């Protein structure tokens, strides 16, 4: 038997969307943080290599 949604309470929909956004944040935020750290680390390596080349 197929059930159809006849109406949606705005408060309940807001709770569900909030929960969905929170779960998505827990999944995707660590990847963005790792990408940011990798970019900062790469920039530090490039800066260190330039300083070593200037000392030679």
Protein backbone atom coordinates (compact mmCIF):
# COMPACT_ATOMS: atom_id res chain seq x y z
CA UNK A 1 0.00 0.00 0.00
CA UNK A 2 1.38 3.40 -1.02
CA UNK A 3 0.93 6.29 1.39
CA UNK A 4 0.78 9.89 0.24
CA UNK A 5 1.87 12.91 2.21
CA UNK A 6 -1.13 15.21 2.41
CA UNK A 7 0.35 18.04 4.45
CA UNK A 8 3.61 19.03 6.11
CA UNK A 9 3.81 20.96 9.36
CA UNK A 10 6.37 23.79 8.95
CA UNK A 11 7.96 23.22 12.36
CA UNK A 12 8.43 19.51 11.71
CA UNK A 13 9.88 20.22 8.26
CA UNK A 14 12.28 22.73 9.83
CA UNK A 15 13.42 20.17 12.40
CA UNK A 16 14.04 17.58 9.71
CA UNK A 17 15.97 20.02 7.50
CA UNK A 18 18.03 21.14 10.49
CA UNK A 19 18.89 17.53 11.26
CA UNK A 20 19.75 16.89 7.61
CA UNK A 21 22.03 19.96 7.44
CA UNK A 22 23.74 18.95 10.70
CA UNK A 23 24.45 15.45 9.37
CA UNK A 24 25.77 16.85 6.09
CA UNK A 25 28.01 19.22 8.03
CA UNK A 26 29.44 16.37 10.10
CA UNK A 27 30.21 14.49 6.91
CA UNK A 28 31.61 17.29 4.69
CA UNK A 29 33.32 19.73 7.09
CA UNK A 30 36.28 17.42 7.88
CA UNK A 31 37.09 17.18 4.15
CA UNK A 32 37.08 20.97 3.80
CA UNK A 33 39.31 21.26 6.86
CA UNK A 34 41.76 18.71 5.45
CA UNK A 35 41.85 20.55 2.13
CA UNK A 36 42.57 23.84 3.92
CA UNK A 37 45.32 22.27 5.99
CA UNK A 38 46.87 20.70 2.88
CA UNK A 39 46.86 24.08 1.13
CA UNK A 40 48.49 25.80 4.10
CA UNK A 41 51.10 23.03 4.39
CA UNK A 42 51.91 23.26 0.69
CA UNK A 43 52.33 27.01 0.94
CA UNK A 44 54.70 26.60 3.91
CA UNK A 45 56.78 24.09 1.94
CA UNK A 46 57.03 26.42 -1.05
CA UNK A 47 58.03 29.32 1.20
CA UNK A 48 60.69 27.16 2.89
CA UNK A 49 62.12 26.05 -0.45
CA UNK A 50 62.38 29.66 -1.63
CA UNK A 51 64.24 30.65 1.53
CA UNK A 52 66.69 27.75 1.10
CA UNK A 53 67.35 28.77 -2.50
CA UNK A 54 68.07 32.35 -1.43
CA UNK A 55 70.61 31.17 1.17
CA UNK A 56 72.64 29.23 -1.42
